[in-house]
N, C-alpha and C. Protein backbone atom coordinates (compact mmCIF):
# COMPACT_ATOMS: atom_id res chain seq x y z
N MET A 1 247.57 56.78 -1.35
CA MET A 1 247.67 55.78 -0.33
C MET A 1 246.83 54.58 -0.76
N GLU A 2 247.38 53.46 -0.68
CA GLU A 2 246.70 52.24 -1.10
C GLU A 2 245.46 51.94 -0.27
N ILE A 3 245.47 52.29 1.00
CA ILE A 3 244.35 51.93 1.87
C ILE A 3 243.07 52.69 1.52
N ILE A 4 243.17 53.76 0.78
CA ILE A 4 242.00 54.59 0.48
C ILE A 4 241.25 54.08 -0.75
N GLY A 5 241.93 53.44 -1.65
CA GLY A 5 241.29 52.98 -2.87
C GLY A 5 241.31 54.07 -3.93
N THR A 6 240.27 54.08 -4.74
CA THR A 6 240.19 55.04 -5.85
C THR A 6 239.77 56.41 -5.34
N PRO A 7 240.00 57.45 -6.13
CA PRO A 7 239.50 58.77 -5.74
C PRO A 7 237.98 58.76 -5.51
N GLU A 8 237.26 58.03 -6.33
CA GLU A 8 235.80 57.95 -6.18
C GLU A 8 235.43 57.35 -4.82
N GLN A 9 236.15 56.30 -4.41
CA GLN A 9 235.89 55.69 -3.10
C GLN A 9 236.21 56.66 -1.98
N PHE A 10 237.34 57.31 -2.08
CA PHE A 10 237.76 58.25 -1.04
C PHE A 10 236.75 59.38 -0.90
N PHE A 11 236.43 60.05 -2.02
CA PHE A 11 235.58 61.24 -1.94
C PHE A 11 234.11 60.92 -1.70
N SER A 12 233.74 59.65 -1.73
CA SER A 12 232.37 59.31 -1.36
C SER A 12 232.21 59.31 0.17
N HIS A 13 233.33 59.37 0.90
CA HIS A 13 233.30 59.37 2.37
C HIS A 13 233.97 60.58 3.01
N TYR A 14 234.88 61.23 2.28
CA TYR A 14 235.68 62.30 2.86
C TYR A 14 235.60 63.56 2.02
N PHE A 15 235.84 64.70 2.68
CA PHE A 15 235.90 66.00 2.02
C PHE A 15 237.24 66.61 2.37
N VAL A 16 237.89 67.22 1.41
CA VAL A 16 239.18 67.86 1.63
C VAL A 16 239.05 69.34 1.32
N ALA A 17 239.48 70.16 2.24
CA ALA A 17 239.47 71.61 2.04
C ALA A 17 240.84 72.15 2.39
N ASN A 18 241.24 73.18 1.71
CA ASN A 18 242.50 73.84 1.99
C ASN A 18 242.22 75.00 2.94
N TYR A 19 242.90 75.04 4.07
CA TYR A 19 242.69 76.11 5.04
C TYR A 19 242.89 77.48 4.39
N CYS A 20 243.96 77.63 3.66
CA CYS A 20 244.24 78.89 2.98
C CYS A 20 244.46 78.58 1.50
N PRO A 21 243.46 78.85 0.66
CA PRO A 21 243.57 78.48 -0.75
C PRO A 21 244.40 79.46 -1.58
N LEU A 22 245.23 80.24 -0.93
CA LEU A 22 246.09 81.18 -1.64
C LEU A 22 247.52 80.65 -1.68
N CYS A 23 248.27 81.10 -2.65
CA CYS A 23 249.66 80.68 -2.79
C CYS A 23 250.55 81.92 -2.63
N PHE A 24 251.51 81.84 -1.74
CA PHE A 24 252.44 82.93 -1.52
C PHE A 24 253.82 82.45 -1.94
N LEU A 25 254.45 83.18 -2.85
CA LEU A 25 255.76 82.79 -3.36
C LEU A 25 256.80 83.84 -2.99
N GLU A 26 257.97 83.36 -2.63
CA GLU A 26 259.09 84.24 -2.37
C GLU A 26 259.72 84.62 -3.71
N ALA A 27 260.61 85.57 -3.74
CA ALA A 27 261.25 86.02 -4.97
C ALA A 27 261.95 84.87 -5.68
N SER A 28 262.42 83.90 -4.91
CA SER A 28 263.13 82.74 -5.48
C SER A 28 262.17 81.75 -6.13
N GLY A 29 260.86 81.92 -5.90
CA GLY A 29 259.87 80.96 -6.39
C GLY A 29 259.50 79.92 -5.34
N ARG A 30 260.16 79.96 -4.22
CA ARG A 30 259.86 79.03 -3.13
C ARG A 30 258.51 79.37 -2.50
N ASN A 31 257.77 78.34 -2.13
CA ASN A 31 256.48 78.51 -1.48
C ASN A 31 256.69 79.08 -0.07
N ARG A 32 255.92 80.10 0.26
CA ARG A 32 255.94 80.64 1.62
C ARG A 32 254.62 80.27 2.27
N THR A 33 254.67 79.48 3.33
CA THR A 33 253.46 79.06 4.00
C THR A 33 252.87 80.23 4.80
N PRO A 34 251.55 80.25 4.98
CA PRO A 34 250.92 81.38 5.67
C PRO A 34 251.50 81.67 7.05
N ASP A 35 251.96 80.65 7.77
CA ASP A 35 252.53 80.88 9.09
C ASP A 35 253.86 81.62 9.04
N ARG A 36 254.45 81.76 7.87
CA ARG A 36 255.72 82.47 7.73
C ARG A 36 255.55 83.87 7.14
N LEU A 37 254.31 84.31 6.98
CA LEU A 37 254.05 85.67 6.54
C LEU A 37 254.33 86.64 7.68
N PRO A 38 254.59 87.91 7.36
CA PRO A 38 254.78 88.89 8.43
C PRO A 38 253.54 88.94 9.34
N ALA A 39 253.77 89.18 10.61
CA ALA A 39 252.68 89.14 11.60
C ALA A 39 251.52 90.04 11.21
N GLY A 40 251.79 91.21 10.67
CA GLY A 40 250.72 92.13 10.28
C GLY A 40 249.86 91.59 9.15
N ASP A 41 250.41 90.71 8.33
CA ASP A 41 249.65 90.10 7.24
C ASP A 41 248.93 88.84 7.70
N ARG A 42 249.51 88.15 8.68
CA ARG A 42 248.93 86.89 9.16
C ARG A 42 247.59 87.08 9.84
N ALA A 43 247.49 88.06 10.72
CA ALA A 43 246.28 88.22 11.54
C ALA A 43 245.02 88.35 10.69
N PRO A 44 244.96 89.26 9.73
CA PRO A 44 243.72 89.36 8.94
C PRO A 44 243.50 88.14 8.04
N LEU A 45 244.57 87.56 7.54
CA LEU A 45 244.44 86.36 6.71
C LEU A 45 243.89 85.20 7.53
N PHE A 46 244.46 84.98 8.72
CA PHE A 46 243.99 83.88 9.57
C PHE A 46 242.54 84.12 10.00
N ALA A 47 242.17 85.36 10.28
CA ALA A 47 240.78 85.64 10.67
C ALA A 47 239.82 85.25 9.55
N ALA A 48 240.16 85.61 8.31
CA ALA A 48 239.30 85.27 7.17
C ALA A 48 239.27 83.76 6.93
N CYS A 49 240.43 83.11 7.00
CA CYS A 49 240.49 81.66 6.77
C CYS A 49 239.83 80.88 7.89
N ASP A 50 239.99 81.33 9.14
CA ASP A 50 239.32 80.68 10.28
C ASP A 50 237.81 80.76 10.10
N CYS A 51 237.32 81.93 9.69
CA CYS A 51 235.88 82.12 9.49
C CYS A 51 235.38 81.20 8.38
N ALA A 52 236.11 81.14 7.28
CA ALA A 52 235.69 80.29 6.15
C ALA A 52 235.68 78.82 6.56
N LEU A 53 236.69 78.39 7.31
CA LEU A 53 236.74 77.00 7.75
C LEU A 53 235.60 76.70 8.73
N ARG A 54 235.36 77.61 9.65
CA ARG A 54 234.27 77.43 10.61
C ARG A 54 232.93 77.31 9.88
N ARG A 55 232.71 78.14 8.89
CA ARG A 55 231.46 78.08 8.11
C ARG A 55 231.36 76.78 7.32
N THR A 56 232.49 76.31 6.79
CA THR A 56 232.51 75.03 6.08
C THR A 56 232.12 73.90 7.02
N ILE A 57 232.68 73.92 8.22
CA ILE A 57 232.36 72.89 9.22
C ILE A 57 230.88 72.96 9.59
N GLU A 58 230.37 74.16 9.79
CA GLU A 58 228.96 74.31 10.15
C GLU A 58 228.05 73.80 9.03
N CYS A 59 228.41 74.06 7.78
CA CYS A 59 227.58 73.63 6.65
C CYS A 59 227.63 72.12 6.44
N LEU A 60 228.80 71.53 6.57
CA LEU A 60 228.96 70.10 6.30
C LEU A 60 228.63 69.22 7.50
N ASN A 61 228.74 69.79 8.70
CA ASN A 61 228.44 69.06 9.92
C ASN A 61 229.16 67.70 10.00
N PRO A 62 230.50 67.71 9.85
CA PRO A 62 231.23 66.44 9.92
C PRO A 62 231.38 65.96 11.36
N ARG A 63 231.73 64.71 11.52
CA ARG A 63 232.05 64.18 12.84
C ARG A 63 233.49 64.51 13.22
N PHE A 64 234.38 64.54 12.23
CA PHE A 64 235.80 64.78 12.46
C PHE A 64 236.31 65.86 11.51
N VAL A 65 237.26 66.65 11.99
CA VAL A 65 238.01 67.57 11.13
C VAL A 65 239.47 67.37 11.50
N VAL A 66 240.27 66.99 10.52
CA VAL A 66 241.67 66.66 10.76
C VAL A 66 242.56 67.64 10.01
N GLY A 67 243.43 68.29 10.73
CA GLY A 67 244.44 69.15 10.11
C GLY A 67 245.62 68.29 9.71
N VAL A 68 246.03 68.44 8.46
CA VAL A 68 247.19 67.69 7.97
C VAL A 68 248.41 68.58 8.16
N GLY A 69 249.19 68.24 9.17
CA GLY A 69 250.33 69.06 9.57
C GLY A 69 249.99 69.86 10.81
N ARG A 70 250.99 70.23 11.57
CA ARG A 70 250.79 70.95 12.84
C ARG A 70 250.11 72.30 12.62
N PHE A 71 250.53 73.05 11.60
CA PHE A 71 249.91 74.36 11.34
C PHE A 71 248.41 74.20 11.11
N ASP A 72 248.04 73.31 10.20
CA ASP A 72 246.62 73.10 9.91
C ASP A 72 245.86 72.59 11.13
N ALA A 73 246.46 71.70 11.88
CA ALA A 73 245.79 71.18 13.08
C ALA A 73 245.51 72.31 14.08
N ASP A 74 246.47 73.22 14.23
CA ASP A 74 246.26 74.37 15.13
C ASP A 74 245.14 75.27 14.62
N ARG A 75 245.09 75.50 13.30
CA ARG A 75 244.04 76.35 12.73
C ARG A 75 242.68 75.65 12.82
N VAL A 76 242.65 74.34 12.62
CA VAL A 76 241.40 73.58 12.77
C VAL A 76 240.89 73.72 14.20
N ALA A 77 241.77 73.55 15.17
CA ALA A 77 241.36 73.65 16.57
C ALA A 77 240.80 75.04 16.87
N ALA A 78 241.45 76.07 16.37
CA ALA A 78 240.97 77.44 16.61
C ALA A 78 239.63 77.69 15.90
N SER A 79 239.52 77.21 14.68
CA SER A 79 238.31 77.45 13.89
C SER A 79 237.12 76.67 14.40
N ALA A 80 237.35 75.48 14.90
CA ALA A 80 236.26 74.60 15.32
C ALA A 80 235.95 74.70 16.81
N ALA A 81 236.63 75.60 17.51
CA ALA A 81 236.36 75.75 18.94
C ALA A 81 234.87 75.99 19.15
N LYS A 82 234.29 75.31 20.10
CA LYS A 82 232.88 75.41 20.48
C LYS A 82 231.93 74.77 19.47
N LEU A 83 232.45 74.11 18.44
CA LEU A 83 231.59 73.38 17.51
C LEU A 83 231.56 71.91 17.92
N PRO A 84 230.46 71.22 17.68
CA PRO A 84 230.35 69.81 18.09
C PRO A 84 231.04 68.87 17.09
N VAL A 85 232.36 68.93 17.07
CA VAL A 85 233.14 68.13 16.14
C VAL A 85 234.45 67.72 16.82
N THR A 86 234.91 66.53 16.51
CA THR A 86 236.20 66.06 17.02
C THR A 86 237.28 66.55 16.08
N THR A 87 238.29 67.20 16.63
CA THR A 87 239.40 67.69 15.81
C THR A 87 240.67 66.94 16.15
N GLY A 88 241.60 66.94 15.23
CA GLY A 88 242.87 66.27 15.46
C GLY A 88 243.89 66.62 14.41
N ALA A 89 245.01 65.93 14.46
CA ALA A 89 246.13 66.18 13.56
C ALA A 89 246.62 64.90 12.93
N ALA A 90 247.11 65.03 11.73
CA ALA A 90 247.80 63.94 11.04
C ALA A 90 249.05 64.55 10.41
N PRO A 91 250.10 63.77 10.25
CA PRO A 91 251.35 64.32 9.71
C PRO A 91 251.20 64.74 8.25
N HIS A 92 251.91 65.80 7.90
CA HIS A 92 251.92 66.31 6.53
C HIS A 92 252.97 65.56 5.72
N PRO A 93 252.69 65.27 4.45
CA PRO A 93 253.66 64.53 3.64
C PRO A 93 254.76 65.40 3.03
N SER A 94 254.89 66.63 3.45
CA SER A 94 255.89 67.54 2.89
C SER A 94 257.31 67.02 3.08
N PRO A 95 258.18 67.23 2.10
CA PRO A 95 259.59 66.88 2.29
C PRO A 95 260.23 67.65 3.45
N ALA A 96 259.62 68.76 3.86
CA ALA A 96 260.13 69.51 5.02
C ALA A 96 259.85 68.78 6.33
N ASN A 97 258.98 67.78 6.28
CA ASN A 97 258.66 66.99 7.46
C ASN A 97 259.53 65.73 7.43
N PRO A 98 260.47 65.59 8.37
CA PRO A 98 261.36 64.42 8.35
C PRO A 98 260.61 63.08 8.36
N ALA A 99 259.47 63.03 9.03
CA ALA A 99 258.70 61.78 9.08
C ALA A 99 258.06 61.44 7.74
N ALA A 100 257.96 62.44 6.86
CA ALA A 100 257.31 62.20 5.56
C ALA A 100 258.10 61.21 4.71
N ASN A 101 259.37 61.11 4.95
CA ASN A 101 260.20 60.22 4.16
C ASN A 101 260.47 58.89 4.86
N ARG A 102 259.88 58.70 6.04
CA ARG A 102 260.08 57.47 6.81
C ARG A 102 258.75 56.95 7.32
N GLY A 103 258.04 56.23 6.50
CA GLY A 103 256.81 55.61 6.95
C GLY A 103 255.65 56.57 7.12
N TRP A 104 255.56 57.56 6.25
CA TRP A 104 254.50 58.55 6.39
C TRP A 104 253.11 57.92 6.35
N GLU A 105 252.87 57.01 5.41
CA GLU A 105 251.54 56.42 5.29
C GLU A 105 251.11 55.75 6.60
N ARG A 106 252.01 55.04 7.21
CA ARG A 106 251.71 54.37 8.48
C ARG A 106 251.44 55.40 9.58
N ALA A 107 252.27 56.45 9.64
CA ALA A 107 252.07 57.49 10.64
C ALA A 107 250.73 58.20 10.44
N PHE A 108 250.35 58.40 9.19
CA PHE A 108 249.09 59.05 8.88
C PHE A 108 247.91 58.18 9.32
N THR A 109 247.94 56.91 8.94
CA THR A 109 246.83 56.02 9.33
C THR A 109 246.78 55.82 10.84
N ASP A 110 247.93 55.81 11.50
CA ASP A 110 247.96 55.69 12.96
C ASP A 110 247.32 56.93 13.60
N ALA A 111 247.60 58.11 13.06
CA ALA A 111 247.02 59.33 13.59
C ALA A 111 245.49 59.33 13.44
N LEU A 112 245.02 58.86 12.28
CA LEU A 112 243.57 58.77 12.08
C LEU A 112 242.96 57.75 13.03
N ALA A 113 243.61 56.60 13.18
CA ALA A 113 243.10 55.56 14.07
C ALA A 113 243.01 56.08 15.52
N ALA A 114 243.98 56.89 15.93
CA ALA A 114 243.97 57.45 17.29
C ALA A 114 242.76 58.35 17.50
N LEU A 115 242.24 58.92 16.42
CA LEU A 115 241.04 59.76 16.52
C LEU A 115 239.75 58.93 16.39
N GLY A 116 239.91 57.67 16.03
CA GLY A 116 238.73 56.82 15.84
C GLY A 116 238.24 56.78 14.41
N ILE A 117 239.12 57.20 13.50
CA ILE A 117 238.77 57.20 12.07
C ILE A 117 239.43 55.99 11.42
N ALA A 118 238.60 55.14 10.84
CA ALA A 118 239.12 53.97 10.14
C ALA A 118 238.95 54.19 8.65
N PRO A 119 239.95 53.78 7.85
CA PRO A 119 239.79 53.91 6.40
C PRO A 119 238.61 53.08 5.91
N VAL A 120 237.98 53.58 4.87
CA VAL A 120 236.83 52.85 4.32
C VAL A 120 237.27 51.85 3.27
């Protein structure tokens, strides 16, 4: 995104973490997102990932935690419950997201602005 500048500029102000740093592939090679795993597999995975995210938030003590995509936003809200941090959502740039191909950058910056986050 042009508004962020260089990676050095971006990462001097922001931290990016992956809610679930694991990759699940279907037999076809297609990515399977954690929310599409069987229910019996999701519960223990989400518990571990929620705990790791909550600990990350506690260690970094950010003002904002933004989930990129609805799934991540829901997990951020669950993980950060009762922590003194503002949580929110921004659209995911995935091709599976129809908005990603129609003005995604604007939608993303608008979502951040609605939370009170201005690009640096």
